[in-house]
Amino acid sequence: MNYKLTSKAEEISKSEELLYEVLFKPIGLDQSARQLLKIPGDEYHFVAMEEDEVPGVMLEENSIEQTN
């Protein structure tokens, strides 16, 4: 198994599907829930890769601070 930071669209898509299946679907939320809860700013996908599959993902979000 390999672990890496990814910006590849296919790997991000698979990681998003995993997040939905594990975190949101079991509590009855639809696939738009993550986007609605997303913090504005940069997002980094750290994925575990096993061949072409993504069996694990960790997200880091750096929020954009707003000042008045």
PDB file of N, CA and C in Angstrom:
ATOM      1  N   MET A   1       0.851  -1.169   0.000  1.00  0.00           N
ATOM      2  CA  MET A   1       0.000   0.000   0.000  1.00  0.00           C
ATOM      3  C   MET A   1       0.897   1.233   0.000  1.00  0.00           C
ATOM      4  N   ASN A   2       0.523   2.230  -0.796  1.00  0.00           N
ATOM      5  CA  ASN A   2       1.250   3.492  -0.872  1.00  0.00           C
ATOM      6  C   ASN A   2       0.397   4.618  -0.291  1.00  0.00           C
ATOM      7  N   TYR A   3       1.050   5.593   0.286  1.00  0.00           N
ATOM      8  CA  TYR A   3       0.376   6.754   0.853  1.00  0.00           C
ATOM      9  C   TYR A   3       0.938   7.994   0.187  1.00  0.00           C
ATOM     10  N   LYS A   4       0.057   8.912  -0.226  1.00  0.00           N
ATOM     11  CA  LYS A   4       0.560  10.098  -0.907  1.00  0.00           C
ATOM     12  C   LYS A   4      -0.447  11.237  -0.880  1.00  0.00           C
ATOM     13  N   LEU A   5       0.066  12.428  -1.090  1.00  0.00           N
ATOM     14  CA  LEU A   5      -0.739  13.616  -1.314  1.00  0.00           C
ATOM     15  C   LEU A   5      -1.069  13.604  -2.796  1.00  0.00           C
ATOM     16  N   THR A   6      -2.338  13.779  -3.149  1.00  0.00           N
ATOM     17  CA  THR A   6      -2.705  13.704  -4.557  1.00  0.00           C
ATOM     18  C   THR A   6      -3.476  14.939  -5.020  1.00  0.00           C
ATOM     19  N   SER A   7      -3.297  15.243  -6.289  1.00  0.00           N
ATOM     20  CA  SER A   7      -4.103  16.272  -6.951  1.00  0.00           C
ATOM     21  C   SER A   7      -4.730  15.693  -8.209  1.00  0.00           C
ATOM     22  N   LYS A   8      -4.606  14.368  -8.391  1.00  0.00           N
ATOM     23  CA  LYS A   8      -5.188  13.703  -9.554  1.00  0.00           C
ATOM     24  C   LYS A   8      -6.697  13.593  -9.400  1.00  0.00           C
ATOM     25  N   ALA A   9      -7.423  14.052 -10.427  1.00  0.00           N
ATOM     26  CA  ALA A   9      -8.886  14.081 -10.375  1.00  0.00           C
ATOM     27  C   ALA A   9      -9.494  12.712 -10.089  1.00  0.00           C
ATOM     28  N   GLU A  10      -8.964  11.660 -10.692  1.00  0.00           N
ATOM     29  CA  GLU A  10      -9.526  10.321 -10.494  1.00  0.00           C
ATOM     30  C   GLU A  10      -9.360   9.859  -9.045  1.00  0.00           C
ATOM     31  N   GLU A  11      -8.199  10.106  -8.460  1.00  0.00           N
ATOM     32  CA  GLU A  11      -7.960   9.709  -7.071  1.00  0.00           C
ATOM     33  C   GLU A  11      -8.789  10.551  -6.105  1.00  0.00           C
ATOM     34  N   ILE A  12      -8.943  11.831  -6.396  1.00  0.00           N
ATOM     35  CA  ILE A  12      -9.786  12.687  -5.555  1.00  0.00           C
ATOM     36  C   ILE A  12     -11.237  12.233  -5.628  1.00  0.00           C
ATOM     37  N   SER A  13     -11.694  11.890  -6.824  1.00  0.00           N
ATOM     38  CA  SER A  13     -13.062  11.400  -6.983  1.00  0.00           C
ATOM     39  C   SER A  13     -13.296  10.130  -6.167  1.00  0.00           C
ATOM     40  N   LYS A  14     -12.339   9.216  -6.207  1.00  0.00           N
ATOM     41  CA  LYS A  14     -12.464   7.978  -5.426  1.00  0.00           C
ATOM     42  C   LYS A  14     -12.423   8.266  -3.929  1.00  0.00           C
ATOM     43  N   SER A  15     -11.620   9.234  -3.515  1.00  0.00           N
ATOM     44  CA  SER A  15     -11.551   9.565  -2.095  1.00  0.00           C
ATOM     45  C   SER A  15     -12.847  10.238  -1.640  1.00  0.00           C
ATOM     46  N   GLU A  16     -13.440  11.052  -2.501  1.00  0.00           N
ATOM     47  CA  GLU A  16     -14.729  11.683  -2.175  1.00  0.00           C
ATOM     48  C   GLU A  16     -15.824  10.630  -2.025  1.00  0.00           C
ATOM     49  N   GLU A  17     -15.816   9.630  -2.894  1.00  0.00           N
ATOM     50  CA  GLU A  17     -16.803   8.554  -2.812  1.00  0.00           C
ATOM     51  C   GLU A  17     -16.630   7.773  -1.508  1.00  0.00           C
ATOM     52  N   LEU A  18     -15.388   7.503  -1.121  1.00  0.00           N
ATOM     53  CA  LEU A  18     -15.125   6.809   0.136  1.00  0.00           C
ATOM     54  C   LEU A  18     -15.632   7.628   1.321  1.00  0.00           C
ATOM     55  N   LEU A  19     -15.347   8.916   1.334  1.00  0.00           N
ATOM     56  CA  LEU A  19     -15.829   9.779   2.417  1.00  0.00           C
ATOM     57  C   LEU A  19     -17.354   9.738   2.513  1.00  0.00           C
ATOM     58  N   TYR A  20     -18.018   9.797   1.366  1.00  0.00           N
ATOM     59  CA  TYR A  20     -19.475   9.746   1.362  1.00  0.00           C
ATOM     60  C   TYR A  20     -19.970   8.419   1.930  1.00  0.00           C
ATOM     61  N   GLU A  21     -19.423   7.305   1.429  1.00  0.00           N
ATOM     62  CA  GLU A  21     -19.883   5.976   1.858  1.00  0.00           C
ATOM     63  C   GLU A  21     -19.668   5.729   3.351  1.00  0.00           C
ATOM     64  N   VAL A  22     -18.580   6.254   3.902  1.00  0.00           N
ATOM     65  CA  VAL A  22     -18.221   5.976   5.299  1.00  0.00           C
ATOM     66  C   VAL A  22     -18.817   6.999   6.268  1.00  0.00           C
ATOM     67  N   LEU A  23     -18.832   8.274   5.885  1.00  0.00           N
ATOM     68  CA  LEU A  23     -19.223   9.313   6.840  1.00  0.00           C
ATOM     69  C   LEU A  23     -20.652   9.841   6.676  1.00  0.00           C
ATOM     70  N   PHE A  24     -21.098  10.019   5.463  1.00  0.00           N
ATOM     71  CA  PHE A  24     -22.367  10.714   5.256  1.00  0.00           C
ATOM     72  C   PHE A  24     -23.546   9.798   4.956  1.00  0.00           C
ATOM     73  N   LYS A  25     -23.358   8.802   4.128  1.00  0.00           N
ATOM     74  CA  LYS A  25     -24.442   7.886   3.773  1.00  0.00           C
ATOM     75  C   LYS A  25     -25.023   7.166   4.988  1.00  0.00           C
ATOM     76  N   PRO A  26     -24.177   6.669   5.919  1.00  0.00           N
ATOM     77  CA  PRO A  26     -24.735   5.946   7.073  1.00  0.00           C
ATOM     78  C   PRO A  26     -25.666   6.785   7.963  1.00  0.00           C
ATOM     79  N   ILE A  27     -25.536   8.099   7.917  1.00  0.00           N
ATOM     80  CA  ILE A  27     -26.429   8.928   8.743  1.00  0.00           C
ATOM     81  C   ILE A  27     -27.497   9.618   7.899  1.00  0.00           C
ATOM     82  N   GLY A  28     -27.695   9.112   6.675  1.00  0.00           N
ATOM     83  CA  GLY A  28     -28.810   9.562   5.850  1.00  0.00           C
ATOM     84  C   GLY A  28     -28.595  10.850   5.070  1.00  0.00           C
ATOM     85  N   LEU A  29     -27.350  11.324   4.966  1.00  0.00           N
ATOM     86  CA  LEU A  29     -27.085  12.533   4.197  1.00  0.00           C
ATOM     87  C   LEU A  29     -26.781  12.167   2.747  1.00  0.00           C
ATOM     88  N   ASP A  30     -27.117  13.064   1.822  1.00  0.00           N
ATOM     89  CA  ASP A  30     -26.823  12.783   0.423  1.00  0.00           C
ATOM     90  C   ASP A  30     -25.427  13.267   0.052  1.00  0.00           C
ATOM     91  N   GLN A  31     -25.060  13.078  -1.208  1.00  0.00           N
ATOM     92  CA  GLN A  31     -23.689  13.373  -1.628  1.00  0.00           C
ATOM     93  C   GLN A  31     -23.361  14.855  -1.644  1.00  0.00           C
ATOM     94  N   SER A  32     -24.346  15.714  -1.575  1.00  0.00           N
ATOM     95  CA  SER A  32     -24.072  17.152  -1.546  1.00  0.00           C
ATOM     96  C   SER A  32     -23.664  17.628  -0.142  1.00  0.00           C
ATOM     97  N   ALA A  33     -23.823  16.792   0.861  1.00  0.00           N
ATOM     98  CA  ALA A  33     -23.572  17.196   2.249  1.00  0.00           C
ATOM     99  C   ALA A  33     -22.142  17.682   2.464  1.00  0.00           C
ATOM    100  N   ARG A  34     -21.167  16.985   1.907  1.00  0.00           N
ATOM    101  CA  ARG A  34     -19.772  17.395   2.121  1.00  0.00           C
ATOM    102  C   ARG A  34     -19.499  18.762   1.529  1.00  0.00           C
ATOM    103  N   GLN A  35     -20.031  19.032   0.356  1.00  0.00           N
ATOM    104  CA  GLN A  35     -19.820  20.341  -0.257  1.00  0.00           C
ATOM    105  C   GLN A  35     -20.496  21.448   0.555  1.00  0.00           C
ATOM    106  N   LEU A  36     -21.648  21.150   1.121  1.00  0.00           N
ATOM    107  CA  LEU A  36     -22.353  22.135   1.945  1.00  0.00           C
ATOM    108  C   LEU A  36     -21.611  22.423   3.248  1.00  0.00           C
ATOM    109  N   LEU A  37     -20.903  21.429   3.775  1.00  0.00           N
ATOM    110  CA  LEU A  37     -20.176  21.573   5.038  1.00  0.00           C
ATOM    111  C   LEU A  37     -18.723  21.997   4.846  1.00  0.00           C
ATOM    112  N   LYS A  38     -18.282  22.071   3.605  1.00  0.00           N
ATOM    113  CA  LYS A  38     -16.886  22.366   3.301  1.00  0.00           C
ATOM    114  C   LYS A  38     -16.486  23.762   3.775  1.00  0.00           C
ATOM    115  N   ILE A  39     -15.279  23.858   4.317  1.00  0.00           N
ATOM    116  CA  ILE A  39     -14.722  25.125   4.770  1.00  0.00           C
ATOM    117  C   ILE A  39     -14.025  25.788   3.583  1.00  0.00           C
ATOM    118  N   PRO A  40     -14.336  27.053   3.271  1.00  0.00           N
ATOM    119  CA  PRO A  40     -13.651  27.719   2.158  1.00  0.00           C
ATOM    120  C   PRO A  40     -12.143  27.774   2.398  1.00  0.00           C
ATOM    121  N   GLY A  41     -11.380  27.487   1.376  1.00  0.00           N
ATOM    122  CA  GLY A  41      -9.924  27.510   1.476  1.00  0.00           C
ATOM    123  C   GLY A  41      -9.311  26.351   0.729  1.00  0.00           C
ATOM    124  N   ASP A  42      -8.032  26.133   0.962  1.00  0.00           N
ATOM    125  CA  ASP A  42      -7.306  25.050   0.305  1.00  0.00           C
ATOM    126  C   ASP A  42      -7.665  23.711   0.925  1.00  0.00           C
ATOM    127  N   GLU A  43      -7.685  22.689   0.092  1.00  0.00           N
ATOM    128  CA  GLU A  43      -8.001  21.341   0.552  1.00  0.00           C
ATOM    129  C   GLU A  43      -6.944  20.384   0.001  1.00  0.00           C
ATOM    130  N   TYR A  44      -6.444  19.515   0.867  1.00  0.00           N
ATOM    131  CA  TYR A  44      -5.412  18.560   0.489  1.00  0.00           C
ATOM    132  C   TYR A  44      -5.909  17.148   0.756  1.00  0.00           C
ATOM    133  N   HIS A  45      -5.782  16.275  -0.232  1.00  0.00           N
ATOM    134  CA  HIS A  45      -6.215  14.887  -0.120  1.00  0.00           C
ATOM    135  C   HIS A  45      -4.986  13.998   0.051  1.00  0.00           C
ATOM    136  N   PHE A  46      -4.867  13.378   1.215  1.00  0.00           N
ATOM    137  CA  PHE A  46      -3.853  12.362   1.463  1.00  0.00           C
ATOM    138  C   PHE A  46      -4.561  11.017   1.303  1.00  0.00           C
ATOM    139  N   VAL A  47      -4.102  10.208   0.365  1.00  0.00           N
ATOM    140  CA  VAL A  47      -4.796   8.955   0.093  1.00  0.00           C
ATOM    141  C   VAL A  47      -3.887   7.757   0.317  1.00  0.00           C
ATOM    142  N   ALA A  48      -4.519   6.669   0.712  1.00  0.00           N
ATOM    143  CA  ALA A  48      -3.863   5.367   0.716  1.00  0.00           C
ATOM    144  C   ALA A  48      -4.252   4.719  -0.603  1.00  0.00           C
ATOM    145  N   MET A  49      -3.272   4.236  -1.348  1.00  0.00           N
ATOM    146  CA  MET A  49      -3.538   3.624  -2.646  1.00  0.00           C
ATOM    147  C   MET A  49      -3.135   2.154  -2.607  1.00  0.00           C
ATOM    148  N   GLU A  50      -4.029   1.317  -3.086  1.00  0.00           N
ATOM    149  CA  GLU A  50      -3.739  -0.101  -3.247  1.00  0.00           C
ATOM    150  C   GLU A  50      -4.158  -0.457  -4.672  1.00  0.00           C
ATOM    151  N   GLU A  51      -3.166  -0.565  -5.539  1.00  0.00           N
ATOM    152  CA  GLU A  51      -3.371  -0.689  -6.980  1.00  0.00           C
ATOM    153  C   GLU A  51      -4.160   0.542  -7.435  1.00  0.00           C
ATOM    154  N   ASP A  52      -5.355   0.365  -8.017  1.00  0.00           N
ATOM    155  CA  ASP A  52      -6.140   1.520  -8.484  1.00  0.00           C
ATOM    156  C   ASP A  52      -7.216   1.939  -7.489  1.00  0.00           C
ATOM    157  N   GLU A  53      -7.229   1.341  -6.322  1.00  0.00           N
ATOM    158  CA  GLU A  53      -8.263   1.633  -5.326  1.00  0.00           C
ATOM    159  C   GLU A  53      -7.756   2.590  -4.258  1.00  0.00           C
ATOM    160  N   VAL A  54      -8.701   3.303  -3.636  1.00  0.00           N
ATOM    161  CA  VAL A  54      -8.405   4.217  -2.531  1.00  0.00           C
ATOM    162  C   VAL A  54      -9.120   3.682  -1.291  1.00  0.00           C
ATOM    163  N   PRO A  55      -8.425   2.854  -0.475  1.00  0.00           N
ATOM    164  CA  PRO A  55      -9.054   2.304   0.721  1.00  0.00           C
ATOM    165  C   PRO A  55      -9.005   3.232   1.934  1.00  0.00           C
ATOM    166  N   GLY A  56      -8.316   4.368   1.804  1.00  0.00           N
ATOM    167  CA  GLY A  56      -8.231   5.296   2.924  1.00  0.00           C
ATOM    168  C   GLY A  56      -7.947   6.704   2.457  1.00  0.00           C
ATOM    169  N   VAL A  57      -8.461   7.685   3.194  1.00  0.00           N
ATOM    170  CA  VAL A  57      -8.245   9.090   2.834  1.00  0.00           C
ATOM    171  C   VAL A  57      -8.248   9.940   4.100  1.00  0.00           C
ATOM    172  N   MET A  58      -7.445  10.978   4.075  1.00  0.00           N
ATOM    173  CA  MET A  58      -7.443  11.986   5.130  1.00  0.00           C
ATOM    174  C   MET A  58      -7.442  13.343   4.434  1.00  0.00           C
ATOM    175  N   LEU A  59      -8.275  14.251   4.894  1.00  0.00           N
ATOM    176  CA  LEU A  59      -8.343  15.589   4.315  1.00  0.00           C
ATOM    177  C   LEU A  59      -7.760  16.604   5.269  1.00  0.00           C
ATOM    178  N   GLU A  60      -7.116  17.583   4.689  1.00  0.00           N
ATOM    179  CA  GLU A  60      -6.678  18.748   5.464  1.00  0.00           C
ATOM    180  C   GLU A  60      -7.261  19.955   4.760  1.00  0.00           C
ATOM    181  N   GLU A  61      -7.922  20.792   5.522  1.00  0.00           N
ATOM    182  CA  GLU A  61      -8.478  22.032   4.979  1.00  0.00           C
ATOM    183  C   GLU A  61      -7.857  23.216   5.684  1.00  0.00           C
ATOM    184  N   ASN A  62      -7.325  24.128   4.897  1.00  0.00           N
ATOM    185  CA  ASN A  62      -6.792  25.383   5.436  1.00  0.00           C
ATOM    186  C   ASN A  62      -7.813  26.461   5.145  1.00  0.00           C
ATOM    187  N   SER A  63      -8.452  26.941   6.189  1.00  0.00           N
ATOM    188  CA  SER A  63      -9.512  27.921   5.993  1.00  0.00           C
ATOM    189  C   SER A  63      -8.930  29.286   5.647  1.00  0.00           C
ATOM    190  N   ILE A  64      -9.732  30.051   4.930  1.00  0.00           N
ATOM    191  CA  ILE A  64      -9.382  31.427   4.597  1.00  0.00           C
ATOM    192  C   ILE A  64      -9.914  32.301   5.720  1.00  0.00           C
ATOM    193  N   GLU A  65      -9.012  32.971   6.383  1.00  0.00           N
ATOM    194  CA  GLU A  65      -9.441  33.836   7.479  1.00  0.00           C
ATOM    195  C   GLU A  65      -9.930  35.174   6.925  1.00  0.00           C
ATOM    196  N   GLN A  66     -11.070  35.606   7.427  1.00  0.00           N
ATOM    197  CA  GLN A  66     -11.620  36.880   7.004  1.00  0.00           C
ATOM    198  C   GLN A  66     -11.398  37.903   8.093  1.00  0.00           C
ATOM    199  N   THR A  67     -10.916  39.055   7.720  1.00  0.00           N
ATOM    200  CA  THR A  67     -10.715  40.132   8.696  1.00  0.00           C
ATOM    201  C   THR A  67     -11.588  41.308   8.325  1.00  0.00           C
ATOM    202  N   ASN A  68     -12.006  42.049   9.316  1.00  0.00           N
ATOM    203  CA  ASN A  68     -12.847  43.233   9.072  1.00  0.00           C
ATOM    204  C   ASN A  68     -12.031  44.482   9.068  1.00  0.00           C
TER     205      ASN A  68
END
